[in-house]
């Protein structure tokens, strides 16, 4: 009897809630859907990989640990929390609460995932960080730790930082940190939504360190404030970069890093057209004059190259580390071949497949964009509709997706890939002319 009484009370509450929804919506079926939607709400967290222009497609993709890239639709009813516009999420982590609607994942809420500092750990602002870096660790007496993975550190880090990734700190923390537990420790990582530096700070606190701060803006905030980051010798040796020697031709002839292109600093401002059209190329400048490197980095970023760093120490640092400088004039022309990422199709292979008819070309832009100019024989399925219309495509054929930048093409690739299609995407910009010709710009 007691159980039945509890059950009846619970049932009454549910009925009352459903009745309230009916009164609010005027639709019993809608009320049922709303209850079901609440039950099916799912939450995932990941780094934002890309988002389309809202006027073209209301889609966003994030890289979720152990799940890979996930693509979501959002609507005018989607709640944006901790941010106002999607560009604020670029490169940041987000929590997306969503429900499935047929073949689609529809975001109910998108939240910028700010991290919290451990109790007793303070935040270091960019102005304070800049003042410390300008003096150096020997003068200011601090220990700066880059808590990101070693690969990210090698690509570009704040001057004077030591690479101690979180897993390494967890394993060898007592050996890697200063013996003086009162020495100021500063941790940084990938910005205010990255949890690596707060986690590392918490580990240091447990090890007994008492003077810990976190530079929450991290490497992205440092660059946004106009400061440079520096690449390592090992990265210069192995990465696919454009290495620019800013020194005079006489200095370069006396000894330069193998593979460097010589563009004297005073000539750089007129050399913009010599750099590749692909803005994702990593440019590394070096010189024996820091002011020249600072000016070069600012100019490179102004041109749109976000991966622009310096190699501190230049030819002297290279000689001490590698011991092989090239003699004589350095190359004057930049030769750069972009390495495509997994899932991409090169421009050459895309055009070859299109001409031979060995692949289905899927234009994932809007019908209006498609009508204004498109590849011959291309199938137009907007990325917003690709999940629901994928059955129109054959799993027996190679599918190549494209848009106008590659963002929507990659989202469509992700959707089709998880459904078992043989698909690749074009990360480039097709430009169509009124006479039916086209050009694909990298």
Protein backbone atom coordinates (compact mmCIF):
# COMPACT_ATOMS: atom_id res chain seq x y z
CA UNK A 1 0.00 0.00 0.00
CA UNK A 2 2.79 2.37 0.89
CA UNK A 3 4.53 1.75 -2.45
CA UNK A 4 1.32 2.24 -4.38
CA UNK A 5 0.72 5.51 -2.55
CA UNK A 6 4.20 6.77 -3.51
CA UNK A 7 3.65 5.67 -7.08
CA UNK A 8 0.30 7.44 -7.28
CA UNK A 9 1.83 10.68 -6.00
CA UNK A 10 4.64 10.41 -8.56
CA UNK A 11 2.10 9.69 -11.31
CA UNK A 12 0.04 12.69 -10.25
CA UNK A 13 3.09 14.94 -10.48
CA UNK A 14 3.88 13.68 -13.98
CA UNK A 15 0.27 14.13 -15.10
CA UNK A 16 0.22 17.65 -13.65
CA UNK A 17 3.47 18.51 -15.43
CA UNK A 18 2.15 17.14 -18.72
CA UNK A 19 -1.10 19.07 -18.22
CA UNK A 20 0.86 22.25 -17.65
CA UNK A 21 2.78 21.68 -20.87
CA UNK A 22 -0.49 21.10 -22.72
CA UNK A 23 -1.84 24.39 -21.38
CA UNK A 24 1.38 26.16 -22.43
CA UNK A 25 1.61 24.61 -25.90
CA UNK A 26 -2.04 23.83 -26.61
CA UNK A 27 -0.84 20.55 -28.08
CA UNK A 28 -0.68 17.20 -26.22
CA UNK A 29 1.71 15.75 -28.84
CA UNK A 30 4.00 18.77 -28.49
CA UNK A 31 3.97 18.36 -24.71
CA UNK A 32 4.94 14.72 -25.11
CA UNK A 33 7.78 15.70 -27.44
CA UNK A 34 9.04 18.31 -24.98
CA UNK A 35 9.15 15.78 -22.13
CA UNK A 36 10.91 13.30 -24.41
CA UNK A 37 13.35 16.02 -25.56
CA UNK A 38 14.28 16.80 -21.97
CA UNK A 39 14.99 13.14 -21.33
CA UNK A 40 17.20 12.83 -24.42
CA UNK A 41 19.37 15.92 -23.82
CA UNK A 42 23.05 14.96 -24.13
CA UNK A 43 26.13 16.99 -23.16
CA UNK A 44 29.60 16.81 -24.72
CA UNK A 45 32.73 18.92 -24.34
CA UNK A 46 35.44 19.55 -26.90
CA UNK A 47 37.56 22.05 -28.76
CA UNK A 48 35.74 24.02 -31.44
CA UNK A 49 37.05 22.90 -34.80
CA UNK A 50 34.99 25.03 -37.14
CA UNK A 51 31.75 26.86 -37.80
CA UNK A 52 30.16 28.16 -40.95
CA UNK A 53 28.97 31.67 -41.69
CA UNK A 54 25.45 31.73 -40.14
CA UNK A 55 24.03 33.18 -43.36
CA UNK A 56 25.26 30.06 -45.20
CA UNK A 57 24.84 27.30 -42.64
CA UNK A 58 24.02 27.15 -38.94
CA UNK A 59 26.46 24.38 -38.10
CA UNK A 60 29.37 23.98 -35.71
CA UNK A 61 31.89 21.16 -35.19
CA UNK A 62 33.93 20.26 -32.12
CA UNK A 63 36.64 17.67 -31.49
CA UNK A 64 35.50 15.48 -28.58
CA UNK A 65 37.98 13.26 -26.76
CA UNK A 66 37.53 9.57 -27.62
CA UNK A 67 34.64 10.41 -29.97
CA UNK A 68 36.40 12.42 -32.68
CA UNK A 69 34.83 15.34 -34.52
CA UNK A 70 31.12 15.89 -33.97
CA UNK A 71 28.92 18.21 -36.05
CA UNK A 72 25.86 19.99 -34.67
CA UNK A 73 23.13 22.17 -36.05
CA UNK A 74 22.00 25.17 -34.04
CA UNK A 75 18.93 27.37 -34.39
CA UNK A 76 17.74 30.83 -33.41
CA UNK A 77 16.48 29.20 -30.20
CA UNK A 78 19.91 27.80 -29.28
CA UNK A 79 21.25 29.42 -26.11
CA UNK A 80 24.76 30.95 -26.32
CA UNK A 81 26.30 30.98 -22.85
CA UNK A 82 29.49 32.89 -21.85
CA UNK A 83 29.81 34.36 -25.35
CA UNK A 84 27.76 36.40 -27.81
CA UNK A 85 29.05 35.53 -31.28
CA UNK A 86 30.55 32.36 -32.71
CA UNK A 87 33.94 33.92 -33.64
CA UNK A 88 34.57 34.18 -29.89
CA UNK A 89 34.70 30.36 -29.82
CA UNK A 90 37.43 30.00 -32.41
CA UNK A 91 40.09 27.67 -31.02
CA UNK A 92 38.31 27.48 -27.65
CA UNK A 93 36.61 24.65 -25.76
CA UNK A 94 32.84 24.46 -25.57
CA UNK A 95 30.17 22.37 -23.90
CA UNK A 96 27.25 21.55 -26.18
CA UNK A 97 23.95 20.25 -24.88
CA UNK A 98 22.00 18.69 -27.71
CA UNK A 99 19.18 16.40 -28.67
CA UNK A 100 18.85 14.22 -31.73
CA UNK A 101 16.21 15.15 -34.28
CA UNK A 102 16.05 12.47 -36.94
CA UNK A 103 19.54 12.21 -38.45
CA UNK A 104 20.71 15.52 -36.95
CA UNK A 105 22.28 16.58 -33.67
CA UNK A 106 20.64 19.88 -32.69
CA UNK A 107 22.35 22.09 -30.11
CA UNK A 108 20.03 23.36 -27.36
CA UNK A 109 22.85 25.21 -25.57
CA UNK A 110 26.43 26.10 -26.55
CA UNK A 111 28.58 27.19 -23.63
CA UNK A 112 32.10 28.57 -23.72
CA UNK A 113 33.86 26.35 -21.19
CA UNK A 114 35.90 28.66 -18.97
CA UNK A 115 38.18 26.88 -16.51
CA UNK A 116 38.48 27.55 -12.77
CA UNK A 117 41.73 28.03 -10.91
CA UNK A 118 42.58 25.84 -7.92
CA UNK A 119 41.98 27.45 -4.53
CA UNK A 120 44.92 29.63 -3.52
CA UNK A 121 46.23 30.00 -7.10
CA UNK A 122 46.13 33.50 -8.59
CA UNK A 123 45.73 34.70 -12.16
CA UNK A 124 48.49 36.59 -13.97
CA UNK A 125 47.32 39.26 -16.42
CA UNK A 126 49.00 39.84 -19.77
CA UNK A 127 50.50 43.18 -18.69
CA UNK A 128 52.16 41.54 -15.68
CA UNK A 129 53.35 38.68 -17.85
CA UNK A 130 54.88 41.07 -20.38
CA UNK A 131 56.75 42.94 -17.63
CA UNK A 132 58.24 39.71 -16.30
CA UNK A 133 59.21 38.37 -19.73
CA UNK A 134 60.92 41.63 -20.69
CA UNK A 135 63.23 41.31 -17.67
CA UNK A 136 63.74 37.55 -17.97
CA UNK A 137 63.64 34.77 -15.33
CA UNK A 138 67.16 35.50 -14.05
CA UNK A 139 66.23 39.08 -13.11
CA UNK A 140 62.59 38.59 -12.12
CA UNK A 141 63.23 35.22 -10.44
CA UNK A 142 60.33 33.13 -11.73
CA UNK A 143 59.89 29.68 -13.28
CA UNK A 144 57.63 29.66 -16.34
CA UNK A 145 55.99 26.40 -17.40
CA UNK A 146 54.26 25.62 -20.69
CA UNK A 147 51.79 22.87 -19.72
CA UNK A 148 50.71 22.07 -23.29
CA UNK A 149 51.83 18.95 -25.21
CA UNK A 150 55.51 19.12 -26.25
CA UNK A 151 54.60 19.40 -29.94
CA UNK A 152 52.69 22.64 -29.32
CA UNK A 153 55.59 24.02 -27.29
CA UNK A 154 58.05 23.26 -30.09
CA UNK A 155 55.85 24.99 -32.65
CA UNK A 156 55.73 28.20 -30.65
CA UNK A 157 56.10 29.13 -26.98
CA UNK A 158 56.60 32.19 -24.78
CA UNK A 159 60.24 33.14 -24.42
CA UNK A 160 61.92 31.58 -21.40
CA UNK A 161 59.24 28.93 -20.84
CA UNK A 162 60.10 25.34 -19.96
CA UNK A 163 58.06 22.53 -21.50
CA UNK A 164 56.45 20.33 -18.83
CA UNK A 165 53.26 18.73 -20.23
CA UNK A 166 50.67 17.70 -17.64
CA UNK A 167 51.31 13.92 -17.95
CA UNK A 168 55.05 14.48 -17.47
CA UNK A 169 54.45 16.76 -14.48
CA UNK A 170 52.21 14.13 -12.92
CA UNK A 171 54.94 11.51 -13.31
CA UNK A 172 58.08 13.51 -12.50
CA UNK A 173 56.85 16.74 -10.91
CA UNK A 174 59.19 16.83 -7.92
CA UNK A 175 62.24 16.46 -10.20
CA UNK A 176 61.14 19.01 -12.79
CA UNK A 177 60.05 21.93 -10.61
CA UNK A 178 62.41 24.18 -8.57
CA UNK A 179 63.58 22.85 -5.23
CA UNK A 180 62.77 26.23 -3.69
CA UNK A 181 59.05 25.81 -2.89
CA UNK A 182 58.64 29.58 -2.46
CA UNK A 183 59.97 30.46 -5.93
CA UNK A 184 57.22 32.03 -8.11
CA UNK A 185 55.77 29.43 -10.49
CA UNK A 186 53.81 30.52 -13.56
CA UNK A 187 51.83 28.06 -15.69
CA UNK A 188 50.16 28.67 -19.05
CA UNK A 189 48.51 26.62 -21.79
CA UNK A 190 46.00 27.18 -24.60
CA UNK A 191 43.83 29.93 -23.15
CA UNK A 192 40.93 30.48 -20.72
CA UNK A 193 39.03 27.37 -21.84
CA UNK A 194 42.08 25.08 -21.65
CA UNK A 195 42.33 23.12 -18.41
CA UNK A 196 45.98 22.06 -18.62
CA UNK A 197 47.61 24.97 -16.78
CA UNK A 198 45.08 25.01 -13.89
CA UNK A 199 45.54 21.25 -13.55
CA UNK A 200 49.34 21.63 -13.52
CA UNK A 201 49.07 24.42 -10.94
CA UNK A 202 46.99 22.15 -8.73
CA UNK A 203 49.67 19.45 -8.96
CA UNK A 204 52.38 21.93 -8.01
CA UNK A 205 50.34 23.02 -4.99
CA UNK A 206 50.05 19.41 -3.82
CA UNK A 207 53.84 19.13 -4.14
CA UNK A 208 54.17 21.93 -1.60
CA UNK A 209 54.79 24.98 -3.79
CA UNK A 210 53.35 28.12 -2.25
CA UNK A 211 53.72 30.88 -4.87
CA UNK A 212 51.73 29.74 -7.92
CA UNK A 213 49.98 31.76 -10.60
CA UNK A 214 48.38 30.93 -13.92
CA UNK A 215 48.54 33.05 -17.06
CA UNK A 216 44.99 32.16 -18.10
CA UNK A 217 45.08 33.93 -21.46
CA UNK A 218 47.82 31.50 -22.43
CA UNK A 219 49.62 31.31 -25.75
CA UNK A 220 46.62 32.61 -27.79
CA UNK A 221 46.21 35.62 -25.49
CA UNK A 222 49.93 36.35 -25.63
CA UNK A 223 49.83 36.45 -29.43
CA UNK A 224 46.59 38.45 -29.45
CA UNK A 225 48.29 41.08 -27.30
CA UNK A 226 50.87 41.48 -30.09
CA UNK A 227 53.78 39.49 -28.63
CA UNK A 228 55.80 36.87 -30.46
CA UNK A 229 56.34 33.21 -29.67
CA UNK A 230 59.49 31.27 -30.48
CA UNK A 231 59.99 27.90 -32.18
CA UNK A 232 62.54 25.28 -31.14
CA UNK A 233 65.56 24.03 -33.08
CA UNK A 234 64.07 20.54 -33.46
CA UNK A 235 60.89 22.03 -34.90
CA UNK A 236 62.83 24.11 -37.43
CA UNK A 237 64.70 20.99 -38.51
CA UNK A 238 61.65 18.80 -39.12
CA UNK A 239 58.51 20.90 -39.66
CA UNK A 240 57.00 22.07 -42.94
CA UNK A 241 57.74 25.79 -42.54
CA UNK A 242 58.88 28.87 -44.41
CA UNK A 243 62.11 30.04 -42.77
CA UNK A 244 63.06 33.66 -43.44
CA UNK A 245 66.50 35.13 -42.67
CA UNK A 246 66.02 38.88 -42.16
CA UNK A 247 69.70 39.78 -42.07
CA UNK A 248 71.75 41.55 -44.74
CA UNK A 249 72.99 39.54 -47.72
CA UNK A 250 76.60 39.82 -46.51
CA UNK A 251 75.70 38.37 -43.10
CA UNK A 252 73.71 35.61 -44.74
CA UNK A 253 76.57 34.67 -47.07
CA UNK A 254 78.87 34.28 -44.06
CA UNK A 255 76.57 31.59 -42.65
CA UNK A 256 72.83 30.88 -42.56
CA UNK A 257 70.46 28.09 -41.55
CA UNK A 258 70.09 25.56 -44.39
CA UNK A 259 66.80 25.99 -46.23
CA UNK A 260 66.33 29.62 -45.21
CA UNK A 261 65.15 32.25 -47.69
CA UNK A 262 66.88 35.61 -47.43
CA UNK A 263 64.61 38.66 -47.38
CA UNK A 264 66.42 41.56 -45.63
CA UNK A 265 64.17 43.25 -43.09
CA UNK A 266 64.04 46.53 -45.02
CA UNK A 267 62.71 44.68 -48.10
CA UNK A 268 60.11 42.53 -46.33
CA UNK A 269 57.20 44.97 -46.55
CA UNK A 270 57.34 44.80 -50.36
CA UNK A 271 57.67 41.00 -50.49
CA UNK A 272 54.12 40.04 -49.49
CA UNK A 273 53.25 38.67 -52.94
CA UNK A 274 56.13 36.20 -52.69
CA UNK A 275 54.47 34.30 -49.83
CA UNK A 276 51.96 31.47 -50.48
CA UNK A 277 48.24 32.17 -50.79
CA UNK A 278 47.61 29.50 -48.16
CA UNK A 279 47.33 31.48 -44.92
CA UNK A 280 47.81 28.40 -42.76
CA UNK A 281 51.49 28.21 -43.71
CA UNK A 282 53.86 28.52 -40.75
CA UNK A 283 56.40 31.33 -41.21
CA UNK A 284 59.44 31.53 -38.93
CA UNK A 285 61.62 34.64 -38.94
CA UNK A 286 65.11 34.92 -37.53
CA UNK A 287 67.74 37.63 -37.28
CA UNK A 288 70.43 38.96 -34.96
CA UNK A 289 68.16 41.96 -34.29
CA UNK A 290 65.09 41.39 -32.10
CA UNK A 291 63.35 44.54 -33.33
CA UNK A 292 63.48 43.25 -36.90
CA UNK A 293 61.91 39.96 -35.81
CA UNK A 294 59.15 41.72 -33.85
CA UNK A 295 58.30 43.90 -36.87
CA UNK A 296 58.35 40.88 -39.17
CA UNK A 297 55.95 38.90 -36.97
CA UNK A 298 53.49 41.81 -36.85
CA UNK A 299 53.67 42.17 -40.62
CA UNK A 300 53.18 38.44 -41.19
CA UNK A 301 50.11 38.44 -38.96
CA UNK A 302 48.80 41.54 -40.73
CA UNK A 303 49.05 39.60 -44.00
CA UNK A 304 46.87 36.89 -42.44
CA UNK A 305 49.47 34.29 -41.47
CA UNK A 306 48.45 33.36 -37.93
CA UNK A 307 51.22 30.78 -37.56
CA UNK A 308 54.05 33.30 -37.47
CA UNK A 309 56.87 32.83 -34.97
CA UNK A 310 60.57 33.61 -34.49
CA UNK A 311 63.66 31.50 -33.93
CA UNK A 312 65.52 33.17 -31.09
CA UNK A 313 69.28 33.20 -31.38
CA UNK A 314 69.16 32.73 -35.14
CA UNK A 315 72.27 31.47 -36.91
CA UNK A 316 74.36 31.49 -33.71
CA UNK A 317 71.84 29.32 -31.81
CA UNK A 318 71.63 26.96 -34.77
CA UNK A 319 75.40 26.63 -34.98
CA UNK A 320 75.70 25.85 -31.28
CA UNK A 321 72.93 23.25 -31.47
CA UNK A 322 73.33 21.67 -34.91
CA UNK A 323 76.79 22.86 -35.98
CA UNK A 324 76.13 23.17 -39.71
CA UNK A 325 75.58 26.58 -41.27
CA UNK A 326 75.29 26.97 -45.02
CA UNK A 327 77.72 29.36 -46.69
CA UNK A 328 77.13 31.71 -49.60
CA UNK A 329 73.89 33.36 -50.78
CA UNK A 330 70.62 31.92 -49.50
CA UNK A 331 67.58 31.25 -51.67
CA UNK A 332 65.56 34.30 -52.71
CA UNK A 333 62.34 32.55 -53.75
CA UNK A 334 59.89 30.88 -51.39
CA UNK A 335 58.96 27.34 -52.35
CA UNK A 336 56.21 25.91 -50.16
CA UNK A 337 54.11 22.79 -50.60
CA UNK A 338 51.29 22.39 -48.15
CA UNK A 339 50.94 18.99 -46.50
CA UNK A 340 47.31 18.01 -46.53
CA UNK A 341 45.69 16.70 -43.37
CA UNK A 342 43.86 13.36 -43.02
CA UNK A 343 40.59 13.40 -44.93
CA UNK A 344 41.64 16.17 -47.31
CA UNK A 345 41.97 15.90 -51.06
CA UNK A 346 44.61 17.97 -52.83
CA UNK A 347 43.58 20.48 -55.49
CA UNK A 348 45.37 18.41 -58.15
CA UNK A 349 43.60 15.17 -57.15
CA UNK A 350 40.25 16.97 -56.87
CA UNK A 351 40.55 18.32 -60.41
CA UNK A 352 41.80 14.97 -61.73
CA UNK A 353 38.85 13.11 -60.20
CA UNK A 354 36.43 15.72 -61.53
CA UNK A 355 37.81 15.52 -65.08
CA UNK A 356 37.90 11.71 -65.12
CA UNK A 357 34.49 11.32 -63.49
CA UNK A 358 35.88 8.89 -60.90
CA UNK A 359 34.27 10.69 -57.96
CA UNK A 360 30.97 12.32 -57.06
CA UNK A 361 31.48 16.03 -56.40
CA UNK A 362 29.14 17.27 -53.68
CA UNK A 363 28.69 21.04 -53.34
CA UNK A 364 27.61 21.60 -49.72
CA UNK A 365 26.89 25.31 -50.16
CA UNK A 366 23.40 26.81 -50.25
CA UNK A 367 21.28 26.52 -53.43
CA UNK A 368 21.75 30.26 -54.00
CA UNK A 369 25.54 29.93 -53.89
CA UNK A 370 25.40 26.88 -56.15
CA UNK A 371 23.22 28.68 -58.70
CA UNK A 372 25.69 31.58 -58.87
CA UNK A 373 28.43 29.24 -60.12
CA UNK A 374 29.40 25.60 -59.66
CA UNK A 375 31.45 22.69 -60.97
CA UNK A 376 29.93 20.80 -63.88
CA UNK A 377 28.05 17.67 -62.73
CA UNK A 378 28.35 18.68 -59.06
CA UNK A 379 25.53 17.55 -56.77
CA UNK A 380 24.20 20.28 -54.48
CA UNK A 381 23.36 19.08 -50.96
CA UNK A 382 23.76 21.87 -48.36
CA UNK A 383 25.66 20.80 -45.26
CA UNK A 384 22.52 21.47 -43.17
CA UNK A 385 20.75 18.74 -45.15
CA UNK A 386 23.57 16.25 -45.64
CA UNK A 387 22.66 14.01 -42.69
CA UNK A 388 19.07 13.63 -43.87
CA UNK A 389 19.90 13.28 -47.57
CA UNK A 390 23.03 11.14 -47.45
CA UNK A 391 21.05 8.16 -48.80
CA UNK A 392 21.02 9.99 -52.15
CA UNK A 393 24.75 9.20 -52.37
CA UNK A 394 26.35 5.85 -53.10
CA UNK A 395 28.72 4.17 -50.67
CA UNK A 396 30.30 2.43 -53.64
CA UNK A 397 31.74 5.66 -55.06
CA UNK A 398 34.32 8.18 -53.85
CA UNK A 399 32.69 11.40 -52.69
CA UNK A 400 34.51 14.75 -52.66
CA UNK A 401 32.87 17.61 -50.77
CA UNK A 402 33.57 21.31 -51.27
CA UNK A 403 32.23 24.71 -50.24
CA UNK A 404 33.89 28.13 -50.55
CA UNK A 405 36.52 27.86 -47.80
CA UNK A 406 36.60 24.21 -46.71
CA UNK A 407 34.82 24.68 -43.36
CA UNK A 408 31.43 23.32 -44.45
CA UNK A 409 33.12 20.74 -46.69
CA UNK A 410 34.95 19.32 -43.67
CA UNK A 411 31.73 19.23 -41.63
CA UNK A 412 30.00 17.32 -44.42
CA UNK A 413 33.00 14.99 -44.59
CA UNK A 414 32.65 14.26 -40.85
CA UNK A 415 28.93 13.52 -41.18
CA UNK A 416 29.38 11.21 -44.16
CA UNK A 417 32.48 9.52 -42.76
CA UNK A 418 30.70 8.42 -39.58
CA UNK A 419 27.97 6.92 -41.78
CA UNK A 420 30.44 4.76 -43.69
CA UNK A 421 30.95 6.75 -46.91
CA UNK A 422 34.23 6.87 -48.83
CA UNK A 423 34.67 10.64 -48.66
CA UNK A 424 37.28 13.41 -48.70
CA UNK A 425 36.98 17.19 -48.51
CA UNK A 426 38.58 20.11 -50.36
CA UNK A 427 40.15 22.74 -48.10
CA UNK A 428 40.40 25.48 -50.70
CA UNK A 429 38.44 28.30 -52.36
CA UNK A 430 36.81 27.66 -55.74
CA UNK A 431 36.14 30.87 -57.69
CA UNK A 432 33.60 30.59 -60.52
CA UNK A 433 33.36 32.90 -63.52
CA UNK A 434 30.22 33.80 -65.47
CA UNK A 435 31.59 32.02 -68.57
CA UNK A 436 31.69 28.68 -66.74
CA UNK A 437 35.41 28.58 -65.97
CA UNK A 438 36.81 28.30 -62.48
CA UNK A 439 39.96 28.69 -60.42
CA UNK A 440 40.74 26.92 -57.14
CA UNK A 441 42.74 29.05 -54.74
CA UNK A 442 44.64 27.36 -51.94
